[in-house]
């Protein structure tokens, strides 16, 4: 008796809840954003078709986007993405070298900031970088005689983006970090022994020729998670500075620009166009990550 139809039915039943939720909360919103990006929509009147006008305006008429938002996003992504990714791998590899109890405690400490919401993180860091003399950093600098009056860290275009990068890196050790730690811990020890017999002579060669190739799936997962988290970051800048747009657009990222037009100015069609551009950025960087770490067999 042929059991394949029954297996297909059971498989479809198991996948149905996931497929339903995926279509409902991922596919439909993405398609709606793409459709709205070709319209003028103010959330009150019915959308009117404007063709490529929103995309043309973003790339040629929006001076804030080209002068501040795009450079800020690129700088932020190039530092936080690779920086957080490399830091996650290094920490995971270092933890794998120690015994179980301290490894568990340190992994929990490193992972815990990623479980905290961005707003809660901003509250903690706002106290550290407070612009008056009661702020921890200002207080220390004034006590040491390095400054003579408080510095407005979170309102100064000179410092805001750098502080955003520091705070985001601090909270970036999430599931990607745990995946890498799991990958390092599950590498067969016999592979290392065989590697040393074949000529590997130090830890650096061990990492390059054994550790990284042996955990390609975890490296790919960590890379994709780092890309997504980096490009969706934006709330931290608004939470730290207390305004959207951020002071002189110093910490304005694509997500902030999208929210500015979508939820403050109610230019939903224009905001949808920015969201599609952001989606393309994430997609392109994900392709690069997949090419680097996907299985080559």
C-alpha atoms as a PDB file:
ATOM      1  CA  UNK A   1       0.000   0.000   0.000  1.00  0.00           C
ATOM      2  CA  UNK A   2       1.331   3.403  -0.999  1.00  0.00           C
ATOM      3  CA  UNK A   3       1.782   5.578   2.112  1.00  0.00           C
ATOM      4  CA  UNK A   4       3.249   8.624   0.350  1.00  0.00           C
ATOM      5  CA  UNK A   5      -0.064  10.558   0.053  1.00  0.00           C
ATOM      6  CA  UNK A   6      -0.667  10.089   3.790  1.00  0.00           C
ATOM      7  CA  UNK A   7       2.857  11.286   4.558  1.00  0.00           C
ATOM      8  CA  UNK A   8       2.333  14.357   2.396  1.00  0.00           C
ATOM      9  CA  UNK A   9      -0.944  15.113   4.185  1.00  0.00           C
ATOM     10  CA  UNK A  10       0.622  14.746   7.646  1.00  0.00           C
ATOM     11  CA  UNK A  11       3.580  16.922   6.590  1.00  0.00           C
ATOM     12  CA  UNK A  12       1.223  19.579   5.255  1.00  0.00           C
ATOM     13  CA  UNK A  13      -0.782  19.547   8.508  1.00  0.00           C
ATOM     14  CA  UNK A  14       2.368  20.044  10.597  1.00  0.00           C
ATOM     15  CA  UNK A  15       3.565  22.878   8.354  1.00  0.00           C
ATOM     16  CA  UNK A  16       0.159  24.558   8.021  1.00  0.00           C
ATOM     17  CA  UNK A  17       0.317  26.673  11.247  1.00  0.00           C
ATOM     18  CA  UNK A  18       3.797  27.953  10.394  1.00  0.00           C
ATOM     19  CA  UNK A  19       2.874  28.649   6.762  1.00  0.00           C
ATOM     20  CA  UNK A  20      -0.296  30.442   7.818  1.00  0.00           C
ATOM     21  CA  UNK A  21       1.541  32.689  10.286  1.00  0.00           C
ATOM     22  CA  UNK A  22       4.413  33.263   7.836  1.00  0.00           C
ATOM     23  CA  UNK A  23       2.031  34.324   5.069  1.00  0.00           C
ATOM     24  CA  UNK A  24      -0.078  36.424   7.438  1.00  0.00           C
ATOM     25  CA  UNK A  25       2.717  38.310   9.207  1.00  0.00           C
ATOM     26  CA  UNK A  26       5.587  38.251   6.672  1.00  0.00           C
ATOM     27  CA  UNK A  27       4.454  37.746   3.078  1.00  0.00           C
ATOM     28  CA  UNK A  28       1.307  39.907   3.147  1.00  0.00           C
ATOM     29  CA  UNK A  29       2.965  42.894   4.955  1.00  0.00           C
ATOM     30  CA  UNK A  30       5.939  42.785   2.555  1.00  0.00           C
ATOM     31  CA  UNK A  31       3.665  42.682  -0.497  1.00  0.00           C
ATOM     32  CA  UNK A  32       1.519  45.472   0.989  1.00  0.00           C
ATOM     33  CA  UNK A  33       4.625  47.625   1.552  1.00  0.00           C
ATOM     34  CA  UNK A  34       5.778  47.050  -2.037  1.00  0.00           C
ATOM     35  CA  UNK A  35       2.353  47.999  -3.395  1.00  0.00           C
ATOM     36  CA  UNK A  36       2.063  51.077  -1.153  1.00  0.00           C
ATOM     37  CA  UNK A  37       5.556  52.212  -2.174  1.00  0.00           C
ATOM     38  CA  UNK A  38       4.123  53.055  -5.621  1.00  0.00           C
ATOM     39  CA  UNK A  39       1.344  55.218  -4.141  1.00  0.00           C
ATOM     40  CA  UNK A  40       0.704  58.403  -2.241  1.00  0.00           C
ATOM     41  CA  UNK A  41      -1.043  57.387   0.975  1.00  0.00           C
ATOM     42  CA  UNK A  42      -1.664  59.642   3.967  1.00  0.00           C
ATOM     43  CA  UNK A  43      -3.533  57.009   6.058  1.00  0.00           C
ATOM     44  CA  UNK A  44      -6.820  58.891   5.566  1.00  0.00           C
ATOM     45  CA  UNK A  45      -7.513  59.070   1.846  1.00  0.00           C
ATOM     46  CA  UNK A  46      -7.478  56.074  -0.480  1.00  0.00           C
ATOM     47  CA  UNK A  47      -3.962  55.448  -1.902  1.00  0.00           C
ATOM     48  CA  UNK A  48      -3.319  57.061  -5.281  1.00  0.00           C
ATOM     49  CA  UNK A  49      -0.836  55.550  -7.738  1.00  0.00           C
ATOM     50  CA  UNK A  50       2.303  57.666  -8.338  1.00  0.00           C
ATOM     51  CA  UNK A  51       4.564  55.088  -9.990  1.00  0.00           C
ATOM     52  CA  UNK A  52       8.268  55.381  -9.181  1.00  0.00           C
ATOM     53  CA  UNK A  53       7.928  58.918  -7.803  1.00  0.00           C
ATOM     54  CA  UNK A  54       8.610  57.872  -4.187  1.00  0.00           C
ATOM     55  CA  UNK A  55      11.822  56.046  -5.146  1.00  0.00           C
ATOM     56  CA  UNK A  56      12.963  58.928  -7.343  1.00  0.00           C
ATOM     57  CA  UNK A  57      12.315  61.379  -4.498  1.00  0.00           C
ATOM     58  CA  UNK A  58      14.223  59.245  -1.991  1.00  0.00           C
ATOM     59  CA  UNK A  59      17.287  59.003  -4.223  1.00  0.00           C
ATOM     60  CA  UNK A  60      17.291  62.486  -5.804  1.00  0.00           C
ATOM     61  CA  UNK A  61      15.177  64.917  -3.751  1.00  0.00           C
ATOM     62  CA  UNK A  62      15.542  63.773  -0.141  1.00  0.00           C
ATOM     63  CA  UNK A  63      18.687  65.631   0.944  1.00  0.00           C
ATOM     64  CA  UNK A  64      18.350  64.384   4.528  1.00  0.00           C
ATOM     65  CA  UNK A  65      18.348  60.773   3.335  1.00  0.00           C
ATOM     66  CA  UNK A  66      21.392  61.158   1.075  1.00  0.00           C
ATOM     67  CA  UNK A  67      23.377  63.506   3.330  1.00  0.00           C
ATOM     68  CA  UNK A  68      22.711  62.003   6.755  1.00  0.00           C
ATOM     69  CA  UNK A  69      20.562  58.858   6.819  1.00  0.00           C
ATOM     70  CA  UNK A  70      22.368  56.747   4.207  1.00  0.00           C
ATOM     71  CA  UNK A  71      25.928  57.575   5.418  1.00  0.00           C
ATOM     72  CA  UNK A  72      24.902  57.028   9.057  1.00  0.00           C
ATOM     73  CA  UNK A  73      23.298  53.684   8.198  1.00  0.00           C
ATOM     74  CA  UNK A  74      26.330  52.505   6.194  1.00  0.00           C
ATOM     75  CA  UNK A  75      28.803  53.541   8.938  1.00  0.00           C
ATOM     76  CA  UNK A  76      26.621  51.998  11.645  1.00  0.00           C
ATOM     77  CA  UNK A  77      26.146  48.761   9.680  1.00  0.00           C
ATOM     78  CA  UNK A  78      29.825  48.372   8.734  1.00  0.00           C
ATOM     79  CA  UNK A  79      30.951  48.786  12.359  1.00  0.00           C
ATOM     80  CA  UNK A  80      28.160  47.114  14.323  1.00  0.00           C
ATOM     81  CA  UNK A  81      27.527  44.234  11.880  1.00  0.00           C
ATOM     82  CA  UNK A  82      31.055  42.845  11.363  1.00  0.00           C
ATOM     83  CA  UNK A  83      32.210  44.153  14.762  1.00  0.00           C
ATOM     84  CA  UNK A  84      29.430  42.432  16.678  1.00  0.00           C
ATOM     85  CA  UNK A  85      29.796  39.298  14.566  1.00  0.00           C
ATOM     86  CA  UNK A  86      33.557  38.990  15.106  1.00  0.00           C
ATOM     87  CA  UNK A  87      33.169  39.820  18.803  1.00  0.00           C
ATOM     88  CA  UNK A  88      30.482  37.117  19.163  1.00  0.00           C
ATOM     89  CA  UNK A  89      32.770  34.519  17.570  1.00  0.00           C
ATOM     90  CA  UNK A  90      35.788  35.506  19.678  1.00  0.00           C
ATOM     91  CA  UNK A  91      33.777  35.408  22.910  1.00  0.00           C
ATOM     92  CA  UNK A  92      32.200  32.069  21.966  1.00  0.00           C
ATOM     93  CA  UNK A  93      35.614  30.570  21.160  1.00  0.00           C
ATOM     94  CA  UNK A  94      37.137  31.899  24.409  1.00  0.00           C
ATOM     95  CA  UNK A  95      34.259  30.544  26.513  1.00  0.00           C
ATOM     96  CA  UNK A  96      34.655  27.144  24.894  1.00  0.00           C
ATOM     97  CA  UNK A  97      38.200  26.942  26.294  1.00  0.00           C
ATOM     98  CA  UNK A  98      37.133  27.096  29.958  1.00  0.00           C
ATOM     99  CA  UNK A  99      35.269  24.716  32.248  1.00  0.00           C
ATOM    100  CA  UNK A 100      31.494  24.314  32.332  1.00  0.00           C
ATOM    101  CA  UNK A 101      30.475  26.326  35.413  1.00  0.00           C
ATOM    102  CA  UNK A 102      32.349  29.583  34.673  1.00  0.00           C
ATOM    103  CA  UNK A 103      31.436  29.196  30.984  1.00  0.00           C
ATOM    104  CA  UNK A 104      27.725  29.010  31.823  1.00  0.00           C
ATOM    105  CA  UNK A 105      27.886  32.019  34.155  1.00  0.00           C
ATOM    106  CA  UNK A 106      29.868  34.157  31.689  1.00  0.00           C
ATOM    107  CA  UNK A 107      27.636  33.133  28.747  1.00  0.00           C
ATOM    108  CA  UNK A 108      24.566  34.216  30.728  1.00  0.00           C
ATOM    109  CA  UNK A 109      26.201  37.551  31.605  1.00  0.00           C
ATOM    110  CA  UNK A 110      27.193  38.196  27.988  1.00  0.00           C
ATOM    111  CA  UNK A 111      23.800  37.131  26.612  1.00  0.00           C
ATOM    112  CA  UNK A 112      21.610  38.943  29.165  1.00  0.00           C
ATOM    113  CA  UNK A 113      21.853  42.467  27.623  1.00  0.00           C
ATOM    114  CA  UNK A 114      20.300  41.157  24.385  1.00  0.00           C
ATOM    115  CA  UNK A 115      17.210  40.053  26.355  1.00  0.00           C
ATOM    116  CA  UNK A 116      16.690  43.615  27.583  1.00  0.00           C
ATOM    117  CA  UNK A 117      14.518  45.892  25.475  1.00  0.00           C
ATOM    118  CA  UNK A 118      16.141  48.826  23.710  1.00  0.00           C
ATOM    119  CA  UNK A 119      14.212  51.323  25.830  1.00  0.00           C
ATOM    120  CA  UNK A 120      15.427  49.718  29.070  1.00  0.00           C
ATOM    121  CA  UNK A 121      19.001  49.723  27.731  1.00  0.00           C
ATOM    122  CA  UNK A 122      18.625  53.396  26.825  1.00  0.00           C
ATOM    123  CA  UNK A 123      17.573  54.236  30.389  1.00  0.00           C
ATOM    124  CA  UNK A 124      20.750  52.681  31.792  1.00  0.00           C
ATOM    125  CA  UNK A 125      23.035  54.297  29.238  1.00  0.00           C
ATOM    126  CA  UNK A 126      21.234  57.648  29.472  1.00  0.00           C
ATOM    127  CA  UNK A 127      22.290  57.832  33.110  1.00  0.00           C
ATOM    128  CA  UNK A 128      25.909  57.113  32.154  1.00  0.00           C
ATOM    129  CA  UNK A 129      25.924  59.691  29.337  1.00  0.00           C
ATOM    130  CA  UNK A 130      23.645  62.240  31.018  1.00  0.00           C
ATOM    131  CA  UNK A 131      24.452  65.794  29.901  1.00  0.00           C
ATOM    132  CA  UNK A 132      24.636  67.262  33.417  1.00  0.00           C
ATOM    133  CA  UNK A 133      27.273  66.850  36.116  1.00  0.00           C
ATOM    134  CA  UNK A 134      25.323  64.026  37.755  1.00  0.00           C
ATOM    135  CA  UNK A 135      25.902  61.809  34.733  1.00  0.00           C
ATOM    136  CA  UNK A 136      28.437  59.105  35.570  1.00  0.00           C
ATOM    137  CA  UNK A 137      30.822  59.871  32.700  1.00  0.00           C
ATOM    138  CA  UNK A 138      30.682  63.638  33.149  1.00  0.00           C
ATOM    139  CA  UNK A 139      31.131  63.261  36.900  1.00  0.00           C
ATOM    140  CA  UNK A 140      34.244  61.108  36.478  1.00  0.00           C
ATOM    141  CA  UNK A 141      35.779  63.367  33.841  1.00  0.00           C
ATOM    142  CA  UNK A 142      35.186  66.457  35.980  1.00  0.00           C
ATOM    143  CA  UNK A 143      36.635  64.779  39.072  1.00  0.00           C
ATOM    144  CA  UNK A 144      39.746  63.839  37.113  1.00  0.00           C
ATOM    145  CA  UNK A 145      40.061  67.382  35.759  1.00  0.00           C
ATOM    146  CA  UNK A 146      39.714  66.268  32.129  1.00  0.00           C
ATOM    147  CA  UNK A 147      36.727  68.573  31.494  1.00  0.00           C
ATOM    148  CA  UNK A 148      35.529  71.662  33.335  1.00  0.00           C
ATOM    149  CA  UNK A 149      31.861  71.646  32.336  1.00  0.00           C
ATOM    150  CA  UNK A 150      29.400  68.850  31.489  1.00  0.00           C
ATOM    151  CA  UNK A 151      29.373  67.567  27.912  1.00  0.00           C
ATOM    152  CA  UNK A 152      26.014  67.052  26.201  1.00  0.00           C
ATOM    153  CA  UNK A 153      26.875  63.546  25.015  1.00  0.00           C
ATOM    154  CA  UNK A 154      23.446  62.540  23.753  1.00  0.00           C
ATOM    155  CA  UNK A 155      22.562  65.883  22.151  1.00  0.00           C
ATOM    156  CA  UNK A 156      25.874  66.444  20.398  1.00  0.00           C
ATOM    157  CA  UNK A 157      26.182  65.371  16.735  1.00  0.00           C
ATOM    158  CA  UNK A 158      29.842  64.725  17.454  1.00  0.00           C
ATOM    159  CA  UNK A 159      29.197  61.884  19.916  1.00  0.00           C
ATOM    160  CA  UNK A 160      25.686  60.496  19.352  1.00  0.00           C
ATOM    161  CA  UNK A 161      26.416  57.991  16.571  1.00  0.00           C
ATOM    162  CA  UNK A 162      29.516  56.659  18.377  1.00  0.00           C
ATOM    163  CA  UNK A 163      27.471  56.153  21.566  1.00  0.00           C
ATOM    164  CA  UNK A 164      24.768  54.356  19.568  1.00  0.00           C
ATOM    165  CA  UNK A 165      27.414  52.005  18.157  1.00  0.00           C
ATOM    166  CA  UNK A 166      28.834  51.259  21.627  1.00  0.00           C
ATOM    167  CA  UNK A 167      25.392  50.595  23.134  1.00  0.00           C
ATOM    168  CA  UNK A 168      24.323  48.387  20.212  1.00  0.00           C
ATOM    169  CA  UNK A 169      27.531  46.339  20.345  1.00  0.00           C
ATOM    170  CA  UNK A 170      27.030  45.890  24.089  1.00  0.00           C
ATOM    171  CA  UNK A 171      23.582  44.403  23.501  1.00  0.00           C
ATOM    172  CA  UNK A 172      24.344  42.486  20.298  1.00  0.00           C
ATOM    173  CA  UNK A 173      25.389  39.162  21.850  1.00  0.00           C
ATOM    174  CA  UNK A 174      22.055  37.444  21.217  1.00  0.00           C
ATOM    175  CA  UNK A 175      21.020  34.146  19.627  1.00  0.00           C
ATOM    176  CA  UNK A 176      23.836  34.455  17.070  1.00  0.00           C
ATOM    177  CA  UNK A 177      26.353  34.358  19.921  1.00  0.00           C
ATOM    178  CA  UNK A 178      24.644  31.313  21.458  1.00  0.00           C
ATOM    179  CA  UNK A 179      24.620  29.560  18.060  1.00  0.00           C
ATOM    180  CA  UNK A 180      28.354  30.160  17.669  1.00  0.00           C
ATOM    181  CA  UNK A 181      29.040  28.931  21.196  1.00  0.00           C
ATOM    182  CA  UNK A 182      27.045  25.791  20.451  1.00  0.00           C
ATOM    183  CA  UNK A 183      28.927  25.329  17.174  1.00  0.00           C
ATOM    184  CA  UNK A 184      32.348  25.601  18.821  1.00  0.00           C
ATOM    185  CA  UNK A 185      31.346  23.245  21.640  1.00  0.00           C
ATOM    186  CA  UNK A 186      30.084  20.541  19.267  1.00  0.00           C
ATOM    187  CA  UNK A 187      33.167  20.240  17.047  1.00  0.00           C
ATOM    188  CA  UNK A 188      34.622  16.761  17.266  1.00  0.00           C
ATOM    189  CA  UNK A 189      37.897  16.897  19.247  1.00  0.00           C
ATOM    190  CA  UNK A 190      39.392  14.189  17.031  1.00  0.00           C
ATOM    191  CA  UNK A 191      39.394  16.654  14.119  1.00  0.00           C
ATOM    192  CA  UNK A 192      41.780  18.902  16.074  1.00  0.00           C
ATOM    193  CA  UNK A 193      44.042  15.944  16.816  1.00  0.00           C
ATOM    194  CA  UNK A 194      44.089  14.978  13.147  1.00  0.00           C
ATOM    195  CA  UNK A 195      44.812  18.596  12.218  1.00  0.00           C
ATOM    196  CA  UNK A 196      47.891  18.755  14.456  1.00  0.00           C
ATOM    197  CA  UNK A 197      49.135  15.487  12.968  1.00  0.00           C
ATOM    198  CA  UNK A 198      48.704  17.004   9.475  1.00  0.00           C
ATOM    199  CA  UNK A 199      50.794  20.064  10.312  1.00  0.00           C
ATOM    200  CA  UNK A 200      48.705  22.623  12.221  1.00  0.00           C
ATOM    201  CA  UNK A 201      51.071  24.246  14.710  1.00  0.00           C
ATOM    202  CA  UNK A 202      49.145  26.966  16.586  1.00  0.00           C
ATOM    203  CA  UNK A 203      45.695  28.121  17.721  1.00  0.00           C
ATOM    204  CA  UNK A 204      45.279  30.653  14.892  1.00  0.00           C
ATOM    205  CA  UNK A 205      45.694  27.942  12.247  1.00  0.00           C
ATOM    206  CA  UNK A 206      43.350  25.753  14.287  1.00  0.00           C
ATOM    207  CA  UNK A 207      40.630  28.433  14.110  1.00  0.00           C
ATOM    208  CA  UNK A 208      41.120  29.160  10.390  1.00  0.00           C
ATOM    209  CA  UNK A 209      41.409  25.573   9.114  1.00  0.00           C
ATOM    210  CA  UNK A 210      39.247  23.614  11.566  1.00  0.00           C
ATOM    211  CA  UNK A 211      36.964  25.677  13.811  1.00  0.00           C
ATOM    212  CA  UNK A 212      35.392  28.016  11.232  1.00  0.00           C
ATOM    213  CA  UNK A 213      34.964  25.396   8.443  1.00  0.00           C
ATOM    214  CA  UNK A 214      33.433  22.960  10.966  1.00  0.00           C
ATOM    215  CA  UNK A 215      30.726  25.396  12.083  1.00  0.00           C
ATOM    216  CA  UNK A 216      29.599  26.936   8.783  1.00  0.00           C
ATOM    217  CA  UNK A 217      25.838  26.603   9.588  1.00  0.00           C
ATOM    218  CA  UNK A 218      26.259  28.469  12.891  1.00  0.00           C
ATOM    219  CA  UNK A 219      28.477  31.089  11.234  1.00  0.00           C
ATOM    220  CA  UNK A 220      25.853  31.637   8.527  1.00  0.00           C
ATOM    221  CA  UNK A 221      23.044  31.887  11.086  1.00  0.00           C
ATOM    222  CA  UNK A 222      25.053  34.351  13.162  1.00  0.00           C
ATOM    223  CA  UNK A 223      25.836  36.440  10.075  1.00  0.00           C
ATOM    224  CA  UNK A 224      22.191  36.649   8.997  1.00  0.00           C
ATOM    225  CA  UNK A 225      21.073  37.534  12.526  1.00  0.00           C
ATOM    226  CA  UNK A 226      23.776  40.225  12.760  1.00  0.00           C
ATOM    227  CA  UNK A 227      22.658  41.739   9.432  1.00  0.00           C
ATOM    228  CA  UNK A 228      18.975  41.805  10.381  1.00  0.00           C
ATOM    229  CA  UNK A 229      19.609  43.216  13.877  1.00  0.00           C
ATOM    230  CA  UNK A 230      21.986  45.859  12.521  1.00  0.00           C
ATOM    231  CA  UNK A 231      19.638  47.215   9.876  1.00  0.00           C
ATOM    232  CA  UNK A 232      16.575  47.164  12.119  1.00  0.00           C
ATOM    233  CA  UNK A 233      18.402  49.089  14.848  1.00  0.00           C
ATOM    234  CA  UNK A 234      17.212  52.645  15.196  1.00  0.00           C
ATOM    235  CA  UNK A 235      15.086  52.803  18.308  1.00  0.00           C
ATOM    236  CA  UNK A 236      18.207  53.119  20.429  1.00  0.00           C
ATOM    237  CA  UNK A 237      19.161  56.463  18.855  1.00  0.00           C
ATOM    238  CA  UNK A 238      15.706  57.932  19.399  1.00  0.00           C
ATOM    239  CA  UNK A 239      15.549  56.549  22.950  1.00  0.00           C
ATOM    240  CA  UNK A 240      18.978  57.976  23.832  1.00  0.00           C
ATOM    241  CA  UNK A 241      18.463  61.421  22.310  1.00  0.00           C
ATOM    242  CA  UNK A 242      14.754  61.631  23.143  1.00  0.00           C
ATOM    243  CA  UNK A 243      13.731  62.848  19.684  1.00  0.00           C
ATOM    244  CA  UNK A 244      12.972  61.685  16.167  1.00  0.00           C
ATOM    245  CA  UNK A 245      14.625  63.085  14.104  1.00  0.00           C
ATOM    246  CA  UNK A 246      17.723  62.843  16.272  1.00  0.00           C
ATOM    247  CA  UNK A 247      19.662  66.102  16.949  1.00  0.00           C
ATOM    248  CA  UNK A 248      20.889  67.468  13.603  1.00  0.00           C
ATOM    249  CA  UNK A 249      20.195  64.001  12.151  1.00  0.00           C
ATOM    250  CA  UNK A 250      23.452  62.798  13.743  1.00  0.00           C
ATOM    251  CA  UNK A 251      22.009  59.414  14.748  1.00  0.00           C
ATOM    252  CA  UNK A 252      19.322  59.158  12.082  1.00  0.00           C
ATOM    253  CA  UNK A 253      19.214  55.677  10.519  1.00  0.00           C
ATOM    254  CA  UNK A 254      16.916  54.320   7.808  1.00  0.00           C
ATOM    255  CA  UNK A 255      14.511  52.900  10.375  1.00  0.00           C
ATOM    256  CA  UNK A 256      14.248  56.324  12.053  1.00  0.00           C
ATOM    257  CA  UNK A 257      13.691  58.029   8.690  1.00  0.00           C
ATOM    258  CA  UNK A 258      11.000  55.493   7.873  1.00  0.00           C
ATOM    259  CA  UNK A 259       9.233  56.082  11.192  1.00  0.00           C
ATOM    260  CA  UNK A 260       9.563  59.841  10.790  1.00  0.00           C
ATOM    261  CA  UNK A 261       7.678  59.833   7.483  1.00  0.00           C
ATOM    262  CA  UNK A 262       5.323  56.964   8.280  1.00  0.00           C
ATOM    263  CA  UNK A 263       4.182  57.628  11.854  1.00  0.00           C
ATOM    264  CA  UNK A 264       4.919  61.329  12.369  1.00  0.00           C
ATOM    265  CA  UNK A 265       4.226  62.860   8.945  1.00  0.00           C
ATOM    266  CA  UNK A 266       1.817  60.095   7.826  1.00  0.00           C
ATOM    267  CA  UNK A 267       3.392  59.852   4.361  1.00  0.00           C
ATOM    268  CA  UNK A 268       2.849  56.105   4.258  1.00  0.00           C
ATOM    269  CA  UNK A 269       3.679  55.617   0.582  1.00  0.00           C
ATOM    270  CA  UNK A 270       7.029  57.353   0.954  1.00  0.00           C
ATOM    271  CA  UNK A 271       7.769  55.405   4.154  1.00  0.00           C
ATOM    272  CA  UNK A 272       6.895  52.181   2.336  1.00  0.00           C
ATOM    273  CA  UNK A 273       9.442  53.030  -0.382  1.00  0.00           C
ATOM    274  CA  UNK A 274      12.127  53.526   2.280  1.00  0.00           C
ATOM    275  CA  UNK A 275      11.165  50.193   3.860  1.00  0.00           C
ATOM    276  CA  UNK A 276      11.529  48.424   0.498  1.00  0.00           C
ATOM    277  CA  UNK A 277      14.998  49.961   0.036  1.00  0.00           C
ATOM    278  CA  UNK A 278      15.892  48.774   3.556  1.00  0.00           C
ATOM    279  CA  UNK A 279      14.609  45.292   2.701  1.00  0.00           C
ATOM    280  CA  UNK A 280      16.837  45.240  -0.401  1.00  0.00           C
ATOM    281  CA  UNK A 281      19.859  46.190   1.724  1.00  0.00           C
ATOM    282  CA  UNK A 282      19.160  43.311   4.122  1.00  0.00           C
ATOM    283  CA  UNK A 283      18.601  40.902   1.230  1.00  0.00           C
ATOM    284  CA  UNK A 284      21.830  41.847  -0.555  1.00  0.00           C
ATOM    285  CA  UNK A 285      23.937  41.555   2.599  1.00  0.00           C
ATOM    286  CA  UNK A 286      22.274  38.205   3.373  1.00  0.00           C
ATOM    287  CA  UNK A 287      23.293  36.932  -0.080  1.00  0.00           C
ATOM    288  CA  UNK A 288      26.901  37.950   0.638  1.00  0.00           C
ATOM    289  CA  UNK A 289      26.791  36.120   3.991  1.00  0.00           C
ATOM    290  CA  UNK A 290      25.310  33.032   2.349  1.00  0.00           C
ATOM    291  CA  UNK A 291      28.028  33.016  -0.307  1.00  0.00           C
ATOM    292  CA  UNK A 292      30.712  33.225   2.385  1.00  0.00           C
ATOM    293  CA  UNK A 293      29.434  30.600   4.796  1.00  0.00           C
ATOM    294  CA  UNK A 294      27.050  28.323   2.887  1.00  0.00           C
ATOM    295  CA  UNK A 295      28.086  24.701   2.431  1.00  0.00           C
ATOM    296  CA  UNK A 296      30.322  24.408  -0.610  1.00  0.00           C
ATOM    297  CA  UNK A 297      29.663  20.692  -1.159  1.00  0.00           C
END
